[in-house]
Amino acid sequence: MDSIKPILCLVAVGDKYTPYISSSIEKLSEKYDLCLLTNKKNRLYGVLDQEIYTSKIFTYFAKLTFCIRMALKHKQGVYYCDINRLEELDKLSVNNDGAFYYLRHWPVAEYFHEMEHVQYWRKLIWFWMDRKYDYKQLTTIEEHAFYLPYSDKLNKLEYVVEEIKPIFEYTSLTNDNPYKAIGNGEGLALSYALDVCNINKQI
């Protein structure tokens, strides 16, 4: 009997990213069971699970919520990698110990306290202060590639991510930022949610 392949979640929404789908499936389908979130409506072969992204505006939080949904649905930990940065997958080292694994911190700061005085984050800080959350030692997560373990904490993780999502989306809409979609900084939101759910983070 064949061993169960690890699950890899990919997101390809919009004309910039959908062209990567065919080559990614060809390259990765032998090693991984692929779960794909895309706005391409035709059913793709070589994919374990496919969801259609129907919203007019893409939010970076879709990467997080899609991965959590796939882990819950298939009762298995999942890998995630940006579809245009698949070389990052080979750098991700994972032990089967129930921890969340990621590659690196943000280049601008390892801990949130290093950038808490930046005006961009004021609404987020208000939210955390209201929740009485001590954000000083919150680590940043560069979310281009990561591994999310399956556990009974994932329903709560999904809730916490959904709860904080509007803060990041509002912040990205009301401040200057270089990204076309909304909700950037999602790696920080994920780090917070993992903390709240007591899921260990390893780099």
N, C-alpha and C. Protein backbone atom coordinates (compact mmCIF):
# COMPACT_ATOMS: atom_id res chain seq x y z
N MET A 1 0.84 -1.19 0.00
CA MET A 1 0.00 0.00 0.00
C MET A 1 0.88 1.25 0.00
N ASP A 2 0.54 2.19 -0.87
CA ASP A 2 1.30 3.43 -0.96
C ASP A 2 1.13 4.25 0.31
N SER A 3 2.21 4.90 0.72
CA SER A 3 2.11 5.78 1.87
C SER A 3 1.36 7.06 1.47
N ILE A 4 0.75 7.69 2.46
CA ILE A 4 -0.02 8.90 2.19
C ILE A 4 0.93 10.03 1.83
N LYS A 5 0.64 10.69 0.75
CA LYS A 5 1.48 11.83 0.33
C LYS A 5 1.14 13.05 1.18
N PRO A 6 2.13 13.90 1.44
CA PRO A 6 1.83 15.15 2.13
C PRO A 6 0.96 16.04 1.25
N ILE A 7 0.17 16.90 1.90
CA ILE A 7 -0.69 17.83 1.19
C ILE A 7 0.04 19.16 1.03
N LEU A 8 -0.03 19.70 -0.17
CA LEU A 8 0.51 21.03 -0.45
C LEU A 8 -0.61 21.93 -0.95
N CYS A 9 -0.81 23.05 -0.28
CA CYS A 9 -1.82 24.02 -0.68
C CYS A 9 -1.18 25.11 -1.55
N LEU A 10 -1.82 25.39 -2.66
CA LEU A 10 -1.37 26.43 -3.58
C LEU A 10 -2.52 27.39 -3.84
N VAL A 11 -2.18 28.66 -4.03
CA VAL A 11 -3.18 29.68 -4.34
C VAL A 11 -2.77 30.37 -5.63
N ALA A 12 -3.68 30.38 -6.60
CA ALA A 12 -3.41 31.04 -7.89
C ALA A 12 -4.66 31.80 -8.30
N VAL A 13 -4.71 33.06 -7.93
CA VAL A 13 -5.87 33.90 -8.23
C VAL A 13 -5.40 35.12 -9.02
N GLY A 14 -6.00 35.33 -10.18
CA GLY A 14 -5.65 36.48 -11.01
C GLY A 14 -4.69 36.12 -12.13
N ASP A 15 -4.65 37.00 -13.13
CA ASP A 15 -3.89 36.74 -14.35
C ASP A 15 -2.38 36.62 -14.10
N LYS A 16 -1.90 37.19 -13.02
CA LYS A 16 -0.46 37.10 -12.72
C LYS A 16 -0.07 35.70 -12.26
N TYR A 17 -0.99 34.99 -11.59
CA TYR A 17 -0.64 33.73 -10.93
C TYR A 17 -1.22 32.47 -11.59
N THR A 18 -2.35 32.57 -12.26
CA THR A 18 -2.94 31.36 -12.88
C THR A 18 -2.02 30.71 -13.93
N PRO A 19 -1.17 31.45 -14.65
CA PRO A 19 -0.28 30.78 -15.60
C PRO A 19 0.70 29.79 -14.95
N TYR A 20 0.91 29.91 -13.63
CA TYR A 20 1.82 28.99 -12.93
C TYR A 20 1.18 27.63 -12.67
N ILE A 21 -0.13 27.50 -12.83
CA ILE A 21 -0.83 26.30 -12.37
C ILE A 21 -0.34 25.05 -13.08
N SER A 22 -0.34 25.05 -14.40
CA SER A 22 -0.01 23.82 -15.16
C SER A 22 1.38 23.31 -14.84
N SER A 23 2.38 24.18 -14.84
CA SER A 23 3.75 23.73 -14.56
C SER A 23 3.89 23.28 -13.11
N SER A 24 3.15 23.90 -12.20
CA SER A 24 3.22 23.52 -10.79
C SER A 24 2.63 22.14 -10.56
N ILE A 25 1.49 21.86 -11.19
CA ILE A 25 0.87 20.54 -11.06
C ILE A 25 1.81 19.47 -11.61
N GLU A 26 2.39 19.74 -12.77
CA GLU A 26 3.29 18.78 -13.41
C GLU A 26 4.51 18.50 -12.53
N LYS A 27 5.03 19.54 -11.92
CA LYS A 27 6.25 19.42 -11.12
C LYS A 27 6.00 18.74 -9.77
N LEU A 28 4.84 18.99 -9.16
CA LEU A 28 4.64 18.65 -7.75
C LEU A 28 3.69 17.50 -7.47
N SER A 29 2.87 17.10 -8.45
CA SER A 29 1.79 16.15 -8.17
C SER A 29 2.28 14.75 -7.81
N GLU A 30 3.49 14.40 -8.20
CA GLU A 30 4.01 13.07 -7.84
C GLU A 30 4.42 13.02 -6.37
N LYS A 31 4.85 14.14 -5.84
CA LYS A 31 5.34 14.18 -4.46
C LYS A 31 4.25 14.57 -3.47
N TYR A 32 3.33 15.44 -3.90
CA TYR A 32 2.30 15.98 -3.01
C TYR A 32 0.90 15.71 -3.53
N ASP A 33 -0.05 15.63 -2.60
CA ASP A 33 -1.46 15.78 -2.95
C ASP A 33 -1.74 17.28 -2.95
N LEU A 34 -2.14 17.80 -4.08
CA LEU A 34 -2.27 19.24 -4.24
C LEU A 34 -3.69 19.71 -3.95
N CYS A 35 -3.79 20.78 -3.19
CA CYS A 35 -5.05 21.48 -2.95
C CYS A 35 -4.89 22.88 -3.51
N LEU A 36 -5.80 23.29 -4.38
CA LEU A 36 -5.64 24.53 -5.13
C LEU A 36 -6.83 25.46 -4.93
N LEU A 37 -6.52 26.70 -4.60
CA LEU A 37 -7.51 27.77 -4.57
C LEU A 37 -7.24 28.68 -5.76
N THR A 38 -8.22 28.82 -6.64
CA THR A 38 -8.02 29.59 -7.87
C THR A 38 -9.34 30.17 -8.35
N ASN A 39 -9.24 31.19 -9.17
CA ASN A 39 -10.45 31.72 -9.80
C ASN A 39 -10.69 31.11 -11.18
N LYS A 40 -9.84 30.13 -11.57
CA LYS A 40 -10.01 29.40 -12.82
C LYS A 40 -11.12 28.39 -12.63
N LYS A 41 -12.18 28.49 -13.41
CA LYS A 41 -13.37 27.70 -13.12
C LYS A 41 -13.32 26.26 -13.64
N ASN A 42 -12.45 25.97 -14.60
CA ASN A 42 -12.41 24.59 -15.11
C ASN A 42 -11.71 23.66 -14.13
N ARG A 43 -12.25 22.45 -14.02
CA ARG A 43 -11.70 21.45 -13.10
C ARG A 43 -10.33 21.01 -13.59
N LEU A 44 -9.37 20.97 -12.71
CA LEU A 44 -8.00 20.64 -13.08
C LEU A 44 -7.66 19.21 -12.67
N TYR A 45 -7.06 18.46 -13.57
CA TYR A 45 -6.63 17.10 -13.28
C TYR A 45 -5.29 17.11 -12.54
N GLY A 46 -5.07 16.09 -11.72
CA GLY A 46 -3.84 16.03 -10.94
C GLY A 46 -3.92 16.80 -9.64
N VAL A 47 -5.14 17.23 -9.28
CA VAL A 47 -5.34 18.01 -8.06
C VAL A 47 -6.29 17.25 -7.13
N LEU A 48 -5.90 17.10 -5.87
CA LEU A 48 -6.74 16.39 -4.90
C LEU A 48 -8.00 17.18 -4.59
N ASP A 49 -7.85 18.49 -4.41
CA ASP A 49 -8.98 19.33 -4.00
C ASP A 49 -8.84 20.70 -4.64
N GLN A 50 -9.94 21.22 -5.14
CA GLN A 50 -9.91 22.52 -5.80
C GLN A 50 -11.08 23.36 -5.33
N GLU A 51 -10.78 24.58 -4.90
CA GLU A 51 -11.82 25.54 -4.54
C GLU A 51 -11.76 26.72 -5.50
N ILE A 52 -12.92 27.25 -5.85
CA ILE A 52 -12.98 28.40 -6.73
C ILE A 52 -13.10 29.68 -5.89
N TYR A 53 -12.18 30.61 -6.13
CA TYR A 53 -12.21 31.90 -5.45
C TYR A 53 -13.14 32.82 -6.23
N THR A 54 -14.23 33.25 -5.60
CA THR A 54 -15.26 33.99 -6.33
C THR A 54 -15.33 35.48 -6.00
N SER A 55 -14.67 35.91 -4.95
CA SER A 55 -14.72 37.34 -4.59
C SER A 55 -14.03 38.19 -5.65
N LYS A 56 -14.50 39.41 -5.82
CA LYS A 56 -13.93 40.32 -6.82
C LYS A 56 -12.55 40.80 -6.40
N ILE A 57 -12.34 40.95 -5.11
CA ILE A 57 -11.06 41.45 -4.59
C ILE A 57 -10.36 40.32 -3.85
N PHE A 58 -9.07 40.14 -4.12
CA PHE A 58 -8.31 39.10 -3.43
C PHE A 58 -7.78 39.64 -2.11
N THR A 59 -7.92 38.83 -1.07
CA THR A 59 -7.33 39.14 0.23
C THR A 59 -6.25 38.12 0.54
N TYR A 60 -5.14 38.60 1.06
CA TYR A 60 -4.05 37.69 1.40
C TYR A 60 -4.44 36.69 2.48
N PHE A 61 -5.47 37.00 3.23
CA PHE A 61 -5.92 36.07 4.26
C PHE A 61 -6.50 34.80 3.68
N ALA A 62 -6.86 34.81 2.40
CA ALA A 62 -7.36 33.60 1.75
C ALA A 62 -6.33 32.48 1.79
N LYS A 63 -5.05 32.85 1.78
CA LYS A 63 -4.00 31.85 1.88
C LYS A 63 -4.11 31.09 3.21
N LEU A 64 -4.33 31.82 4.28
CA LEU A 64 -4.39 31.22 5.61
C LEU A 64 -5.65 30.38 5.80
N THR A 65 -6.79 30.97 5.48
CA THR A 65 -8.05 30.26 5.72
C THR A 65 -8.18 29.03 4.83
N PHE A 66 -7.66 29.10 3.61
CA PHE A 66 -7.69 27.94 2.72
C PHE A 66 -6.87 26.79 3.30
N CYS A 67 -5.69 27.08 3.79
CA CYS A 67 -4.84 26.04 4.37
C CYS A 67 -5.52 25.40 5.60
N ILE A 68 -6.10 26.21 6.43
CA ILE A 68 -6.78 25.68 7.63
C ILE A 68 -7.95 24.79 7.22
N ARG A 69 -8.74 25.25 6.24
CA ARG A 69 -9.88 24.45 5.77
C ARG A 69 -9.43 23.12 5.20
N MET A 70 -8.36 23.11 4.43
CA MET A 70 -7.88 21.87 3.82
C MET A 70 -7.35 20.90 4.88
N ALA A 71 -6.65 21.43 5.88
CA ALA A 71 -6.15 20.57 6.97
C ALA A 71 -7.32 19.95 7.73
N LEU A 72 -8.35 20.74 8.00
CA LEU A 72 -9.53 20.23 8.70
C LEU A 72 -10.29 19.21 7.84
N LYS A 73 -10.45 19.51 6.58
CA LYS A 73 -11.21 18.64 5.68
C LYS A 73 -10.54 17.28 5.51
N HIS A 74 -9.22 17.29 5.32
CA HIS A 74 -8.49 16.05 5.03
C HIS A 74 -7.84 15.44 6.27
N LYS A 75 -8.03 16.13 7.42
CA LYS A 75 -7.50 15.60 8.70
C LYS A 75 -6.01 15.27 8.60
N GLN A 76 -5.29 16.23 8.08
CA GLN A 76 -3.86 16.04 7.82
C GLN A 76 -3.17 17.40 7.83
N GLY A 77 -1.93 17.43 8.30
CA GLY A 77 -1.17 18.67 8.21
C GLY A 77 -0.95 19.05 6.76
N VAL A 78 -0.76 20.35 6.51
CA VAL A 78 -0.59 20.81 5.13
C VAL A 78 0.62 21.73 5.00
N TYR A 79 1.27 21.62 3.87
CA TYR A 79 2.29 22.58 3.47
C TYR A 79 1.61 23.69 2.68
N TYR A 80 2.21 24.87 2.71
CA TYR A 80 1.79 25.96 1.84
C TYR A 80 3.03 26.57 1.21
N CYS A 81 2.92 26.97 -0.06
CA CYS A 81 3.99 27.73 -0.69
C CYS A 81 3.38 28.65 -1.74
N ASP A 82 3.89 29.89 -1.81
CA ASP A 82 3.48 30.78 -2.89
C ASP A 82 3.79 30.11 -4.22
N ILE A 83 2.84 30.14 -5.14
CA ILE A 83 2.97 29.38 -6.39
C ILE A 83 4.09 29.91 -7.28
N ASN A 84 4.49 31.14 -7.06
CA ASN A 84 5.61 31.70 -7.85
C ASN A 84 6.94 31.63 -7.10
N ARG A 85 6.96 30.90 -5.96
CA ARG A 85 8.20 30.76 -5.17
C ARG A 85 8.39 29.31 -4.74
N LEU A 86 8.12 28.38 -5.61
CA LEU A 86 8.14 26.97 -5.23
C LEU A 86 9.51 26.47 -4.80
N GLU A 87 10.57 27.19 -5.17
CA GLU A 87 11.90 26.78 -4.73
C GLU A 87 12.04 26.87 -3.21
N GLU A 88 11.17 27.66 -2.56
CA GLU A 88 11.21 27.80 -1.11
C GLU A 88 10.84 26.49 -0.40
N LEU A 89 10.06 25.65 -1.06
CA LEU A 89 9.63 24.39 -0.44
C LEU A 89 10.82 23.53 -0.03
N ASP A 90 11.85 23.49 -0.86
CA ASP A 90 13.02 22.66 -0.58
C ASP A 90 13.81 23.15 0.63
N LYS A 91 13.58 24.39 1.04
CA LYS A 91 14.30 24.95 2.19
C LYS A 91 13.55 24.70 3.50
N LEU A 92 12.32 24.23 3.41
CA LEU A 92 11.48 24.05 4.60
C LEU A 92 11.72 22.68 5.21
N SER A 93 12.25 22.66 6.42
CA SER A 93 12.53 21.41 7.13
C SER A 93 11.49 21.23 8.23
N VAL A 94 10.80 20.08 8.21
CA VAL A 94 9.67 19.84 9.12
C VAL A 94 9.88 18.55 9.90
N ASN A 95 9.69 18.62 11.21
CA ASN A 95 9.64 17.42 12.05
C ASN A 95 8.18 17.15 12.40
N ASN A 96 7.84 15.90 12.48
CA ASN A 96 6.44 15.53 12.77
C ASN A 96 6.20 15.60 14.28
N ASP A 97 6.22 16.82 14.83
CA ASP A 97 6.11 16.99 16.27
C ASP A 97 4.95 17.91 16.67
N GLY A 98 4.05 18.19 15.72
CA GLY A 98 2.89 19.01 16.02
C GLY A 98 3.14 20.50 16.02
N ALA A 99 4.32 20.91 15.56
CA ALA A 99 4.65 22.34 15.53
C ALA A 99 4.36 22.93 14.15
N PHE A 100 4.18 24.24 14.13
CA PHE A 100 4.08 25.01 12.89
C PHE A 100 5.50 25.39 12.48
N TYR A 101 5.85 25.13 11.21
CA TYR A 101 7.20 25.42 10.73
C TYR A 101 7.17 26.48 9.64
N TYR A 102 8.13 27.40 9.72
CA TYR A 102 8.25 28.43 8.70
C TYR A 102 9.72 28.70 8.45
N LEU A 103 10.02 29.46 7.39
CA LEU A 103 11.40 29.61 6.95
C LEU A 103 12.16 30.73 7.65
N ARG A 104 11.49 31.87 7.81
CA ARG A 104 12.22 33.03 8.32
C ARG A 104 11.25 34.09 8.85
N HIS A 105 11.83 35.04 9.59
CA HIS A 105 11.06 36.19 10.05
C HIS A 105 10.99 37.25 8.95
N TRP A 106 10.19 38.26 9.19
CA TRP A 106 10.17 39.41 8.28
C TRP A 106 11.56 40.04 8.24
N PRO A 107 11.97 40.55 7.10
CA PRO A 107 13.30 41.18 7.03
C PRO A 107 13.40 42.47 7.84
N VAL A 108 12.26 43.12 8.10
CA VAL A 108 12.30 44.40 8.83
C VAL A 108 12.30 44.25 10.34
N ALA A 109 11.82 43.09 10.83
CA ALA A 109 11.73 42.91 12.28
C ALA A 109 11.45 41.46 12.61
N GLU A 110 12.14 40.96 13.65
CA GLU A 110 11.88 39.61 14.12
C GLU A 110 10.73 39.58 15.12
N TYR A 111 10.63 40.66 15.92
CA TYR A 111 9.58 40.78 16.92
C TYR A 111 8.75 42.03 16.65
N PHE A 112 7.46 41.95 16.98
CA PHE A 112 6.59 43.07 16.68
C PHE A 112 6.98 44.34 17.42
N HIS A 113 7.53 44.21 18.63
CA HIS A 113 7.87 45.41 19.39
C HIS A 113 8.88 46.29 18.67
N GLU A 114 9.61 45.72 17.70
CA GLU A 114 10.58 46.50 16.93
C GLU A 114 9.90 47.48 15.98
N MET A 115 8.61 47.29 15.73
CA MET A 115 7.92 48.19 14.79
C MET A 115 6.58 48.66 15.35
N GLU A 116 6.38 48.53 16.65
CA GLU A 116 5.09 48.91 17.23
C GLU A 116 4.82 50.40 17.16
N HIS A 117 5.83 51.22 17.00
CA HIS A 117 5.62 52.66 16.93
C HIS A 117 5.33 53.15 15.51
N VAL A 118 5.36 52.24 14.55
CA VAL A 118 5.01 52.61 13.17
C VAL A 118 3.51 52.88 13.11
N GLN A 119 3.15 54.03 12.57
CA GLN A 119 1.75 54.47 12.54
C GLN A 119 0.83 53.46 11.86
N TYR A 120 1.37 52.74 10.90
CA TYR A 120 0.58 51.77 10.13
C TYR A 120 -0.16 50.78 11.03
N TRP A 121 0.44 50.43 12.17
CA TRP A 121 -0.09 49.35 13.01
C TRP A 121 -0.97 49.84 14.17
N ARG A 122 -1.32 51.12 14.20
CA ARG A 122 -2.00 51.65 15.40
C ARG A 122 -3.34 50.96 15.66
N LYS A 123 -4.14 50.67 14.63
CA LYS A 123 -5.44 50.03 14.84
C LYS A 123 -5.26 48.60 15.37
N LEU A 124 -4.24 47.92 14.87
CA LEU A 124 -3.94 46.57 15.33
C LEU A 124 -3.57 46.59 16.82
N ILE A 125 -2.74 47.53 17.21
CA ILE A 125 -2.33 47.63 18.61
C ILE A 125 -3.54 47.92 19.50
N TRP A 126 -4.44 48.79 19.04
CA TRP A 126 -5.66 49.05 19.80
C TRP A 126 -6.47 47.78 20.00
N PHE A 127 -6.56 46.99 18.95
CA PHE A 127 -7.29 45.72 19.02
C PHE A 127 -6.66 44.80 20.05
N TRP A 128 -5.33 44.69 20.00
CA TRP A 128 -4.64 43.81 20.94
C TRP A 128 -4.73 44.32 22.37
N MET A 129 -4.66 45.61 22.56
CA MET A 129 -4.81 46.18 23.90
C MET A 129 -6.20 45.91 24.44
N ASP A 130 -7.20 46.00 23.58
CA ASP A 130 -8.57 45.69 23.99
C ASP A 130 -8.72 44.23 24.40
N ARG A 131 -7.96 43.36 23.73
CA ARG A 131 -7.98 41.93 24.05
C ARG A 131 -7.04 41.58 25.20
N LYS A 132 -6.31 42.60 25.70
CA LYS A 132 -5.30 42.39 26.76
C LYS A 132 -4.24 41.37 26.32
N TYR A 133 -3.88 41.45 25.07
CA TYR A 133 -2.86 40.56 24.50
C TYR A 133 -1.50 41.25 24.57
N ASP A 134 -0.51 40.56 25.12
CA ASP A 134 0.85 41.10 25.21
C ASP A 134 1.60 40.77 23.92
N TYR A 135 1.70 41.77 23.05
CA TYR A 135 2.26 41.59 21.72
C TYR A 135 3.77 41.83 21.65
N LYS A 136 4.39 42.18 22.76
CA LYS A 136 5.78 42.62 22.73
C LYS A 136 6.73 41.58 22.13
N GLN A 137 6.53 40.32 22.49
CA GLN A 137 7.43 39.27 22.01
C GLN A 137 6.82 38.44 20.88
N LEU A 138 5.80 38.98 20.23
CA LEU A 138 5.20 38.28 19.09
C LEU A 138 6.19 38.25 17.93
N THR A 139 6.51 37.05 17.45
CA THR A 139 7.44 36.92 16.34
C THR A 139 6.71 37.13 15.01
N THR A 140 7.44 37.65 14.04
CA THR A 140 6.89 37.80 12.70
C THR A 140 7.12 36.52 11.91
N ILE A 141 6.24 36.24 10.98
CA ILE A 141 6.36 35.06 10.12
C ILE A 141 6.32 35.50 8.66
N GLU A 142 7.38 35.21 7.94
CA GLU A 142 7.32 35.41 6.48
C GLU A 142 6.59 34.19 5.92
N GLU A 143 5.43 34.44 5.32
CA GLU A 143 4.47 33.38 5.04
C GLU A 143 4.56 32.82 3.61
N HIS A 144 5.71 32.97 2.96
CA HIS A 144 5.82 32.46 1.58
C HIS A 144 5.80 30.93 1.55
N ALA A 145 6.28 30.29 2.60
CA ALA A 145 6.25 28.82 2.70
C ALA A 145 6.16 28.44 4.17
N PHE A 146 5.27 27.49 4.48
CA PHE A 146 5.14 27.05 5.87
C PHE A 146 4.45 25.69 5.92
N TYR A 147 4.48 25.11 7.12
CA TYR A 147 3.79 23.84 7.37
C TYR A 147 2.85 24.04 8.55
N LEU A 148 1.59 23.72 8.34
CA LEU A 148 0.57 23.82 9.38
C LEU A 148 0.18 22.42 9.84
N PRO A 149 0.42 22.07 11.10
CA PRO A 149 0.10 20.71 11.56
C PRO A 149 -1.41 20.55 11.76
N TYR A 150 -1.86 19.32 11.64
CA TYR A 150 -3.26 19.02 11.95
C TYR A 150 -3.39 18.81 13.46
N SER A 151 -4.40 19.44 14.05
CA SER A 151 -4.66 19.24 15.47
C SER A 151 -6.08 19.64 15.78
N ASP A 152 -6.51 19.36 17.01
CA ASP A 152 -7.86 19.74 17.42
C ASP A 152 -7.96 21.24 17.72
N LYS A 153 -6.87 21.97 17.52
CA LYS A 153 -6.87 23.42 17.74
C LYS A 153 -7.19 24.21 16.48
N LEU A 154 -7.36 23.52 15.36
CA LEU A 154 -7.50 24.24 14.09
C LEU A 154 -8.82 24.99 13.96
N ASN A 155 -9.89 24.49 14.55
CA ASN A 155 -11.15 25.24 14.50
C ASN A 155 -11.01 26.58 15.21
N LYS A 156 -10.34 26.56 16.35
CA LYS A 156 -10.09 27.81 17.07
C LYS A 156 -9.15 28.71 16.28
N LEU A 157 -8.14 28.12 15.65
CA LEU A 157 -7.21 28.90 14.84
C LEU A 157 -7.94 29.62 13.71
N GLU A 158 -8.84 28.91 13.05
CA GLU A 158 -9.62 29.52 11.98
C GLU A 158 -10.45 30.68 12.51
N TYR A 159 -11.04 30.52 13.68
CA TYR A 159 -11.84 31.58 14.28
C TYR A 159 -10.99 32.82 14.57
N VAL A 160 -9.82 32.61 15.17
CA VAL A 160 -8.96 33.75 15.54
C VAL A 160 -8.46 34.48 14.29
N VAL A 161 -8.11 33.73 13.25
CA VAL A 161 -7.68 34.34 11.99
C VAL A 161 -8.82 35.16 11.38
N GLU A 162 -10.02 34.59 11.38
CA GLU A 162 -11.18 35.31 10.83
C GLU A 162 -11.51 36.56 11.65
N GLU A 163 -11.31 36.47 12.96
CA GLU A 163 -11.62 37.59 13.83
C GLU A 163 -10.69 38.79 13.59
N ILE A 164 -9.42 38.51 13.36
CA ILE A 164 -8.46 39.61 13.20
C ILE A 164 -8.35 40.08 11.74
N LYS A 165 -8.86 39.30 10.83
CA LYS A 165 -8.78 39.61 9.40
C LYS A 165 -9.29 41.03 9.05
N PRO A 166 -10.43 41.48 9.56
CA PRO A 166 -10.90 42.83 9.20
C PRO A 166 -9.95 43.95 9.62
N ILE A 167 -9.21 43.75 10.71
CA ILE A 167 -8.26 44.76 11.16
C ILE A 167 -7.15 44.95 10.11
N PHE A 168 -6.60 43.85 9.65
CA PHE A 168 -5.52 43.91 8.65
C PHE A 168 -6.04 44.44 7.32
N GLU A 169 -7.23 44.04 6.95
CA GLU A 169 -7.77 44.51 5.67
C GLU A 169 -8.06 46.01 5.71
N TYR A 170 -8.64 46.48 6.81
CA TYR A 170 -8.90 47.92 6.96
C TYR A 170 -7.59 48.69 6.96
N THR A 171 -6.60 48.18 7.68
CA THR A 171 -5.30 48.84 7.75
C THR A 171 -4.68 48.97 6.36
N SER A 172 -4.77 47.91 5.57
CA SER A 172 -4.15 47.94 4.24
C SER A 172 -4.91 48.87 3.29
N LEU A 173 -6.18 49.08 3.53
CA LEU A 173 -6.99 49.96 2.68
C LEU A 173 -6.83 51.44 3.04
N THR A 174 -6.47 51.72 4.27
CA THR A 174 -6.45 53.11 4.74
C THR A 174 -5.03 53.65 4.94
N ASN A 175 -4.04 52.87 4.58
CA ASN A 175 -2.64 53.31 4.65
C ASN A 175 -1.94 52.98 3.34
N ASP A 176 -0.88 53.72 3.06
CA ASP A 176 -0.09 53.41 1.87
C ASP A 176 0.60 52.07 2.05
N ASN A 177 0.51 51.22 1.02
CA ASN A 177 1.27 49.98 1.03
C ASN A 177 1.53 49.57 -0.42
N PRO A 178 2.56 48.77 -0.66
CA PRO A 178 2.96 48.47 -2.04
C PRO A 178 2.17 47.32 -2.70
N TYR A 179 1.21 46.75 -1.99
CA TYR A 179 0.54 45.55 -2.49
C TYR A 179 -0.79 45.87 -3.16
N LYS A 180 -1.15 45.10 -4.18
CA LYS A 180 -2.39 45.34 -4.92
C LYS A 180 -3.60 44.74 -4.22
N ALA A 181 -3.41 43.61 -3.56
CA ALA A 181 -4.51 43.00 -2.82
C ALA A 181 -4.64 43.65 -1.45
N ILE A 182 -5.59 43.19 -0.65
CA ILE A 182 -5.77 43.73 0.70
C ILE A 182 -5.38 42.67 1.73
N GLY A 183 -5.14 43.15 2.96
CA GLY A 183 -4.85 42.22 4.04
C GLY A 183 -3.41 41.81 4.15
N ASN A 184 -2.49 42.61 3.59
CA ASN A 184 -1.08 42.24 3.73
C ASN A 184 -0.65 42.28 5.20
N GLY A 185 0.44 41.58 5.49
CA GLY A 185 0.86 41.41 6.88
C GLY A 185 0.25 40.17 7.50
N GLU A 186 -0.30 39.29 6.65
CA GLU A 186 -1.03 38.13 7.16
C GLU A 186 -0.15 37.16 7.95
N GLY A 187 1.16 37.20 7.72
CA GLY A 187 2.05 36.36 8.52
C GLY A 187 2.06 36.77 9.98
N LEU A 188 1.92 38.06 10.23
CA LEU A 188 1.84 38.56 11.61
C LEU A 188 0.53 38.11 12.26
N ALA A 189 -0.56 38.20 11.51
CA ALA A 189 -1.85 37.74 12.01
C ALA A 189 -1.81 36.25 12.33
N LEU A 190 -1.16 35.48 11.47
CA LEU A 190 -1.04 34.04 11.70
C LEU A 190 -0.22 33.76 12.94
N SER A 191 0.87 34.49 13.12
CA SER A 191 1.70 34.31 14.31
C SER A 191 0.89 34.56 15.58
N TYR A 192 0.11 35.62 15.57
CA TYR A 192 -0.77 35.94 16.70
C TYR A 192 -1.77 34.80 16.95
N ALA A 193 -2.41 34.32 15.90
CA ALA A 193 -3.41 33.26 16.05
C ALA A 193 -2.78 31.98 16.58
N LEU A 194 -1.59 31.65 16.12
CA LEU A 194 -0.89 30.46 16.63
C LEU A 194 -0.58 30.62 18.12
N ASP A 195 -0.18 31.82 18.53
CA ASP A 195 0.06 32.09 19.95
C ASP A 195 -1.19 31.88 20.78
N VAL A 196 -2.29 32.47 20.33
CA VAL A 196 -3.56 32.37 21.05
C VAL A 196 -3.99 30.91 21.20
N CYS A 197 -3.71 30.12 20.18
CA CYS A 197 -4.12 28.70 20.19
C CYS A 197 -3.07 27.78 20.77
N ASN A 198 -1.97 28.35 21.27
CA ASN A 198 -0.88 27.54 21.88
C ASN A 198 -0.33 26.48 20.93
N ILE A 199 -0.14 26.88 19.67
CA ILE A 199 0.50 26.02 18.69
C ILE A 199 1.95 26.47 18.57
N ASN A 200 2.87 25.57 18.84
CA ASN A 200 4.30 25.90 18.85
C ASN A 200 4.77 26.30 17.45
N LYS A 201 5.64 27.31 17.39
CA LYS A 201 6.21 27.78 16.12
C LYS A 201 7.70 27.46 16.07
N GLN A 202 8.14 26.92 14.95
CA GLN A 202 9.55 26.57 14.80
C GLN A 202 10.07 27.13 13.47
N ILE A 203 11.29 27.60 13.51
CA ILE A 203 11.92 28.16 12.31
C ILE A 203 13.13 27.33 11.92
